[in-house]
Amino acid sequence: MKRMVKKIDDKRHQELLKQKEELENNRPHDIDSMRRWKHSMGKILEELELFKK
């Protein structure tokens, strides 16, 4: 059972890294889009922080 959880965690971690990279490469320039971008990036970074141990 523990291996299955680890596999899911690894998959989620990779998804988060991919989303983070996409956001970094597609940074908006208008204020409203930038607010949404910042919120999304914050959520991704917050979740990625959970993987650091």
Protein backbone atom coordinates (compact mmCIF):
# COMPACT_ATOMS: atom_id res chain seq x y z
CA MET A 1 0.00 0.00 0.00
CA LYS A 2 2.80 2.42 0.86
CA ARG A 3 4.41 2.01 -2.59
CA MET A 4 1.11 2.98 -4.26
CA VAL A 5 0.91 6.21 -2.24
CA LYS A 6 4.52 7.01 -3.11
CA LYS A 7 3.79 6.46 -6.81
CA ILE A 8 0.78 8.80 -6.65
CA ASP A 9 2.86 11.40 -4.79
CA ASP A 10 5.59 11.24 -7.43
CA LYS A 11 3.02 11.64 -10.19
CA ARG A 12 1.44 14.67 -8.45
CA HIS A 13 4.87 16.19 -7.85
CA GLN A 14 5.70 15.88 -11.57
CA GLU A 15 2.33 17.44 -12.50
CA LEU A 16 3.00 20.38 -10.20
CA LEU A 17 6.48 20.93 -11.62
CA LYS A 18 5.05 20.89 -15.15
CA GLN A 19 2.32 23.40 -14.22
CA LYS A 20 4.91 25.64 -12.56
CA GLU A 21 7.10 25.58 -15.67
CA GLU A 22 4.11 26.38 -17.91
CA LEU A 23 3.18 29.34 -15.71
CA GLU A 24 6.77 30.61 -15.71
CA ASN A 25 6.86 30.46 -19.50
CA ASN A 26 3.47 32.16 -19.95
CA ARG A 27 3.64 35.08 -17.55
CA PRO A 28 0.92 37.65 -18.37
CA HIS A 29 1.44 41.40 -18.54
CA ASP A 30 -1.96 42.91 -17.71
CA ILE A 31 -2.90 43.44 -14.07
CA ASP A 32 -5.97 41.18 -13.80
CA SER A 33 -4.23 38.26 -15.52
CA MET A 34 -1.16 38.82 -13.37
CA ARG A 35 -3.27 38.55 -10.19
CA ARG A 36 -4.71 35.22 -11.33
CA TRP A 37 -1.23 34.07 -12.38
CA LYS A 38 0.21 34.99 -8.99
CA HIS A 39 -2.60 33.17 -7.18
CA SER A 40 -2.12 30.02 -9.28
CA MET A 41 1.65 30.09 -8.84
CA GLY A 42 1.24 30.56 -5.10
CA LYS A 43 -1.02 27.51 -4.86
CA ILE A 44 1.42 25.38 -6.85
CA LEU A 45 4.42 26.51 -4.79
CA GLU A 46 2.47 25.91 -1.56
CA GLU A 47 1.67 22.34 -2.59
CA LEU A 48 5.23 21.73 -3.81
CA GLU A 49 6.47 22.81 -0.38
CA LEU A 50 4.64 19.79 1.10
CA PHE A 51 6.92 17.49 -0.89
CA LYS A 52 10.07 18.93 0.68
CA LYS A 53 11.07 16.86 3.70
